[in-house]
PDB file of N, CA and C in Angstrom:
ATOM      1  N   MET A   1     -15.775  -0.225  -3.410  1.00  0.00           N
ATOM      2  CA  MET A   1     -15.775  -0.266  -1.574  1.00  0.00           C
ATOM      3  C   MET A   1     -16.009  -0.757  -1.154  1.00  0.00           C
ATOM      4  N   ARG A   2     -15.991  -1.850  -1.354  1.00  0.00           N
ATOM      5  CA  ARG A   2     -15.473  -2.592   0.013  1.00  0.00           C
ATOM      6  C   ARG A   2     -14.092  -3.351   0.330  1.00  0.00           C
ATOM      7  N   ASN A   3     -13.882  -3.296  -0.998  1.00  0.00           N
ATOM      8  CA  ASN A   3     -12.036  -2.930  -0.938  1.00  0.00           C
ATOM      9  C   ASN A   3     -11.299  -1.459  -0.320  1.00  0.00           C
ATOM     10  N   SER A   4     -12.062  -0.488  -0.834  1.00  0.00           N
ATOM     11  CA  SER A   4     -11.630   0.386  -0.300  1.00  0.00           C
ATOM     12  C   SER A   4     -11.569   0.504   1.565  1.00  0.00           C
ATOM     13  N   ASN A   5     -12.847  -0.518   2.073  1.00  0.00           N
ATOM     14  CA  ASN A   5     -13.079  -0.464   3.549  1.00  0.00           C
ATOM     15  C   ASN A   5     -12.322  -1.486   3.892  1.00  0.00           C
ATOM     16  N   ASP A   6     -11.724  -2.101   2.993  1.00  0.00           N
ATOM     17  CA  ASP A   6     -10.832  -3.504   3.596  1.00  0.00           C
ATOM     18  C   ASP A   6      -9.621  -2.492   3.958  1.00  0.00           C
ATOM     19  N   ALA A   7      -8.801  -2.199   2.566  1.00  0.00           N
ATOM     20  CA  ALA A   7      -7.795  -1.542   3.017  1.00  0.00           C
ATOM     21  C   ALA A   7      -7.575  -0.539   4.210  1.00  0.00           C
ATOM     22  N   ILE A   8      -8.618   0.260   4.802  1.00  0.00           N
ATOM     23  CA  ILE A   8      -8.758   1.561   5.441  1.00  0.00           C
ATOM     24  C   ILE A   8      -8.639   0.284   6.860  1.00  0.00           C
ATOM     25  N   SER A   9      -9.600  -0.444   6.918  1.00  0.00           N
ATOM     26  CA  SER A   9      -9.019  -1.009   8.187  1.00  0.00           C
ATOM     27  C   SER A   9      -7.908  -1.826   8.211  1.00  0.00           C
ATOM     28  N   THR A  10      -7.014  -2.338   7.309  1.00  0.00           N
ATOM     29  CA  THR A  10      -5.928  -2.862   7.384  1.00  0.00           C
ATOM     30  C   THR A  10      -5.247  -2.050   7.647  1.00  0.00           C
ATOM     31  N   SER A  11      -5.327  -0.287   6.895  1.00  0.00           N
ATOM     32  CA  SER A  11      -4.243   0.578   7.921  1.00  0.00           C
ATOM     33  C   SER A  11      -4.204   0.834   9.073  1.00  0.00           C
ATOM     34  N   LYS A  12      -5.893   0.547   9.728  1.00  0.00           N
ATOM     35  CA  LYS A  12      -5.808   1.189  11.320  1.00  0.00           C
ATOM     36  C   LYS A  12      -5.677   0.178  12.137  1.00  0.00           C
ATOM     37  N   ALA A  13      -5.073  -1.294  11.607  1.00  0.00           N
ATOM     38  CA  ALA A  13      -4.330  -2.816  12.931  1.00  0.00           C
ATOM     39  C   ALA A  13      -3.595  -1.723  13.480  1.00  0.00           C
ATOM     40  N   LYS A  14      -3.920  -2.026  14.705  1.00  0.00           N
ATOM     41  CA  LYS A  14      -2.610  -1.748  16.067  1.00  0.00           C
ATOM     42  C   LYS A  14      -2.153  -2.776  16.161  1.00  0.00           C
ATOM     43  N   GLY A  15      -1.174  -3.273  16.954  1.00  0.00           N
ATOM     44  CA  GLY A  15      -0.266  -3.771  16.973  1.00  0.00           C
ATOM     45  C   GLY A  15       1.211  -4.172  15.772  1.00  0.00           C
ATOM     46  N   VAL A  16       1.145  -3.424  14.576  1.00  0.00           N
ATOM     47  CA  VAL A  16       1.887  -3.856  13.815  1.00  0.00           C
ATOM     48  C   VAL A  16       3.121  -3.103  13.720  1.00  0.00           C
ATOM     49  N   LYS A  17       4.273  -3.707  13.755  1.00  0.00           N
ATOM     50  CA  LYS A  17       5.472  -2.388  14.033  1.00  0.00           C
ATOM     51  C   LYS A  17       5.689  -2.458  12.415  1.00  0.00           C
ATOM     52  N   ALA A  18       4.835  -1.632  11.496  1.00  0.00           N
ATOM     53  CA  ALA A  18       5.138  -1.522  10.193  1.00  0.00           C
ATOM     54  C   ALA A  18       4.675  -0.511  10.081  1.00  0.00           C
ATOM     55  N   VAL A  19       4.985   0.602   8.615  1.00  0.00           N
ATOM     56  CA  VAL A  19       4.571   1.626   8.367  1.00  0.00           C
ATOM     57  C   VAL A  19       3.184   0.921   6.950  1.00  0.00           C
ATOM     58  N   LYS A  20       1.821   1.880   7.510  1.00  0.00           N
ATOM     59  CA  LYS A  20       0.739   1.032   7.005  1.00  0.00           C
ATOM     60  C   LYS A  20       0.111   1.792   6.383  1.00  0.00           C
ATOM     61  N   ILE A  21       0.211   1.492   4.385  1.00  0.00           N
ATOM     62  CA  ILE A  21      -0.192   2.277   3.961  1.00  0.00           C
ATOM     63  C   ILE A  21      -1.675   1.615   3.319  1.00  0.00           C
ATOM     64  N   ALA A  22      -3.061   2.575   2.501  1.00  0.00           N
ATOM     65  CA  ALA A  22      -3.698   1.777   2.065  1.00  0.00           C
ATOM     66  C   ALA A  22      -3.453   2.072   0.376  1.00  0.00           C
ATOM     67  N   ILE A  23      -3.277   1.381  -0.386  1.00  0.00           N
ATOM     68  CA  ILE A  23      -3.705   1.864  -1.800  1.00  0.00           C
ATOM     69  C   ILE A  23      -4.731   2.037  -2.688  1.00  0.00           C
ATOM     70  N   LEU A  24      -5.198   3.035  -2.492  1.00  0.00           N
ATOM     71  CA  LEU A  24      -6.224   3.334  -3.202  1.00  0.00           C
ATOM     72  C   LEU A  24      -6.411   4.350  -4.153  1.00  0.00           C
ATOM     73  N   ASP A  25      -6.928   3.700  -5.501  1.00  0.00           N
ATOM     74  CA  ASP A  25      -7.530   4.163  -7.033  1.00  0.00           C
ATOM     75  C   ASP A  25      -8.841   4.461  -7.098  1.00  0.00           C
ATOM     76  N   GLY A  26      -9.075   5.640  -8.166  1.00  0.00           N
ATOM     77  CA  GLY A  26      -9.849   5.379  -8.756  1.00  0.00           C
ATOM     78  C   GLY A  26     -10.833   6.724  -8.085  1.00  0.00           C
ATOM     79  N   VAL A  27     -12.428   6.687  -8.540  1.00  0.00           N
ATOM     80  CA  VAL A  27     -13.027   8.460  -8.411  1.00  0.00           C
ATOM     81  C   VAL A  27     -13.299   8.631  -7.307  1.00  0.00           C
ATOM     82  N   LEU A  28     -12.302   7.974  -6.081  1.00  0.00           N
ATOM     83  CA  LEU A  28     -12.719   8.808  -4.852  1.00  0.00           C
ATOM     84  C   LEU A  28     -11.924   9.518  -4.374  1.00  0.00           C
ATOM     85  N   TYR A  29     -10.973   9.992  -5.294  1.00  0.00           N
ATOM     86  CA  TYR A  29     -10.661  11.174  -4.616  1.00  0.00           C
ATOM     87  C   TYR A  29     -11.374  12.275  -5.744  1.00  0.00           C
ATOM     88  N   ILE A  30     -12.243  11.907  -6.662  1.00  0.00           N
ATOM     89  CA  ILE A  30     -12.448  13.607  -7.237  1.00  0.00           C
ATOM     90  C   ILE A  30     -13.810  14.161  -6.488  1.00  0.00           C
ATOM     91  N   ARG A  31     -13.454  15.200  -5.847  1.00  0.00           N
ATOM     92  CA  ARG A  31     -14.058  16.335  -4.873  1.00  0.00           C
ATOM     93  C   ARG A  31     -15.595  16.087  -5.472  1.00  0.00           C
ATOM     94  N   GLY A  32     -16.194  15.519  -3.951  1.00  0.00           N
ATOM     95  CA  GLY A  32     -17.610  16.012  -4.133  1.00  0.00           C
ATOM     96  C   GLY A  32     -17.670  15.859  -3.144  1.00  0.00           C
ATOM     97  N   ASN A  33     -19.148  15.467  -2.689  1.00  0.00           N
ATOM     98  CA  ASN A  33     -20.041  15.094  -1.424  1.00  0.00           C
ATOM     99  C   ASN A  33     -20.308  13.335  -1.564  1.00  0.00           C
ATOM    100  N   ASN A  34     -19.519  13.074  -2.155  1.00  0.00           N
ATOM    101  CA  ASN A  34     -19.446  11.616  -2.018  1.00  0.00           C
ATOM    102  C   ASN A  34     -18.473  10.551  -0.842  1.00  0.00           C
ATOM    103  N   LYS A  35     -19.879   9.417  -0.473  1.00  0.00           N
ATOM    104  CA  LYS A  35     -18.847   9.193   1.059  1.00  0.00           C
ATOM    105  C   LYS A  35     -17.428   8.721   1.147  1.00  0.00           C
ATOM    106  N   MET A  36     -17.012   8.332   0.066  1.00  0.00           N
ATOM    107  CA  MET A  36     -15.617   7.542   0.158  1.00  0.00           C
ATOM    108  C   MET A  36     -14.597   8.718   0.460  1.00  0.00           C
ATOM    109  N   TYR A  37     -14.286  10.113  -0.418  1.00  0.00           N
ATOM    110  CA  TYR A  37     -14.250  10.841  -0.246  1.00  0.00           C
ATOM    111  C   TYR A  37     -13.684  12.254   0.772  1.00  0.00           C
ATOM    112  N   LYS A  38     -15.326  11.827   1.144  1.00  0.00           N
ATOM    113  CA  LYS A  38     -15.258  12.697   2.406  1.00  0.00           C
ATOM    114  C   LYS A  38     -14.490  11.515   3.527  1.00  0.00           C
ATOM    115  N   SER A  39     -14.484  10.282   3.325  1.00  0.00           N
ATOM    116  CA  SER A  39     -13.761   9.634   4.854  1.00  0.00           C
ATOM    117  C   SER A  39     -12.477   9.333   4.645  1.00  0.00           C
ATOM    118  N   ILE A  40     -11.623   9.786   3.176  1.00  0.00           N
ATOM    119  CA  ILE A  40     -10.652   9.774   3.816  1.00  0.00           C
ATOM    120  C   ILE A  40     -10.242  11.315   3.277  1.00  0.00           C
ATOM    121  N   THR A  41     -10.580  13.117   3.304  1.00  0.00           N
ATOM    122  CA  THR A  41     -10.393  14.051   3.894  1.00  0.00           C
ATOM    123  C   THR A  41     -10.132  14.143   4.778  1.00  0.00           C
ATOM    124  N   GLU A  42     -11.449  13.557   5.813  1.00  0.00           N
ATOM    125  CA  GLU A  42     -12.341  14.194   6.994  1.00  0.00           C
ATOM    126  C   GLU A  42     -12.010  12.693   7.742  1.00  0.00           C
ATOM    127  N   THR A  43     -12.330  12.067   7.800  1.00  0.00           N
ATOM    128  CA  THR A  43     -12.189  10.920   9.148  1.00  0.00           C
ATOM    129  C   THR A  43     -10.851  10.548   9.513  1.00  0.00           C
ATOM    130  N   TYR A  44     -10.180   9.973   7.819  1.00  0.00           N
ATOM    131  CA  TYR A  44      -9.670   9.056   7.942  1.00  0.00           C
ATOM    132  C   TYR A  44      -7.930   9.801   7.150  1.00  0.00           C
ATOM    133  N   LYS A  45      -8.368  11.000   7.018  1.00  0.00           N
ATOM    134  CA  LYS A  45      -6.880  12.423   6.757  1.00  0.00           C
ATOM    135  C   LYS A  45      -5.917  12.047   7.702  1.00  0.00           C
ATOM    136  N   GLY A  46      -5.499  11.433   8.913  1.00  0.00           N
ATOM    137  CA  GLY A  46      -4.201  11.345   9.567  1.00  0.00           C
ATOM    138  C   GLY A  46      -3.789   9.949   8.976  1.00  0.00           C
ATOM    139  N   TYR A  47      -4.132   9.021   8.664  1.00  0.00           N
ATOM    140  CA  TYR A  47      -3.679   7.886   7.832  1.00  0.00           C
ATOM    141  C   TYR A  47      -2.839   7.824   6.589  1.00  0.00           C
ATOM    142  N   ASN A  48      -1.891   6.192   5.951  1.00  0.00           N
ATOM    143  CA  ASN A  48      -1.094   6.783   5.298  1.00  0.00           C
ATOM    144  C   ASN A  48      -2.177   5.982   3.629  1.00  0.00           C
ATOM    145  N   ILE A  49      -3.050   6.729   3.282  1.00  0.00           N
ATOM    146  CA  ILE A  49      -3.980   6.205   1.923  1.00  0.00           C
ATOM    147  C   ILE A  49      -3.566   7.452   1.138  1.00  0.00           C
ATOM    148  N   MET A  50      -3.009   6.618   0.158  1.00  0.00           N
ATOM    149  CA  MET A  50      -3.207   7.193  -1.246  1.00  0.00           C
ATOM    150  C   MET A  50      -2.940   6.338  -2.713  1.00  0.00           C
ATOM    151  N   SER A  51      -2.530   7.564  -3.693  1.00  0.00           N
ATOM    152  CA  SER A  51      -2.800   6.507  -4.730  1.00  0.00           C
ATOM    153  C   SER A  51      -1.644   6.177  -5.389  1.00  0.00           C
ATOM    154  N   ALA A  52      -1.485   4.542  -6.199  1.00  0.00           N
ATOM    155  CA  ALA A  52      -0.175   3.887  -6.837  1.00  0.00           C
ATOM    156  C   ALA A  52       0.947   4.748  -7.127  1.00  0.00           C
ATOM    157  N   LEU A  53      -0.150   6.301  -7.610  1.00  0.00           N
ATOM    158  CA  LEU A  53       0.446   6.940  -8.268  1.00  0.00           C
ATOM    159  C   LEU A  53       1.881   7.478  -7.704  1.00  0.00           C
ATOM    160  N   VAL A  54       1.742   7.865  -5.995  1.00  0.00           N
ATOM    161  CA  VAL A  54       2.367   8.544  -5.770  1.00  0.00           C
ATOM    162  C   VAL A  54       3.353   7.995  -4.367  1.00  0.00           C
ATOM    163  N   LEU A  55       3.227   6.504  -4.591  1.00  0.00           N
ATOM    164  CA  LEU A  55       3.573   5.785  -3.912  1.00  0.00           C
ATOM    165  C   LEU A  55       5.443   5.394  -3.866  1.00  0.00           C
ATOM    166  N   ARG A  56       6.103   5.529  -4.844  1.00  0.00           N
ATOM    167  CA  ARG A  56       7.160   5.274  -5.208  1.00  0.00           C
ATOM    168  C   ARG A  56       7.747   6.803  -4.195  1.00  0.00           C
ATOM    169  N   GLU A  57       7.180   7.759  -4.568  1.00  0.00           N
ATOM    170  CA  GLU A  57       7.682   8.954  -3.436  1.00  0.00           C
ATOM    171  C   GLU A  57       7.726   9.101  -2.181  1.00  0.00           C
ATOM    172  N   PHE A  58       6.686   8.157  -1.908  1.00  0.00           N
ATOM    173  CA  PHE A  58       6.464   7.752  -0.334  1.00  0.00           C
ATOM    174  C   PHE A  58       7.459   7.338  -0.142  1.00  0.00           C
ATOM    175  N   LEU A  59       7.742   5.819  -0.513  1.00  0.00           N
ATOM    176  CA  LEU A  59       8.527   5.058   0.167  1.00  0.00           C
ATOM    177  C   LEU A  59      10.035   5.514   0.347  1.00  0.00           C
ATOM    178  N   TYR A  60       9.980   6.436  -0.870  1.00  0.00           N
ATOM    179  CA  TYR A  60      11.926   7.360  -0.693  1.00  0.00           C
ATOM    180  C   TYR A  60      12.148   8.533   0.321  1.00  0.00           C
ATOM    181  N   GLN A  61      10.781   9.056   1.076  1.00  0.00           N
ATOM    182  CA  GLN A  61      10.688   9.944   2.064  1.00  0.00           C
ATOM    183  C   GLN A  61      11.280   8.838   3.373  1.00  0.00           C
ATOM    184  N   LEU A  62      10.694   7.603   3.110  1.00  0.00           N
ATOM    185  CA  LEU A  62      10.964   6.766   4.656  1.00  0.00           C
ATOM    186  C   LEU A  62      12.342   6.661   5.047  1.00  0.00           C
TER     187      LEU A  62
END
């Protein structure tokens, strides 16, 4: 969970002229009432948070 929080904090950094993304993998994408799933689908849904599995597709869209 600590690495997830670090990645999200980094993606929230202001004053950086770059596309910020947080690469998060693991069980946090499994639907449920757990804290991380709720965070990435509600609180941080406007941020670029993704699995490494879709990183290539994201980069091609830039």
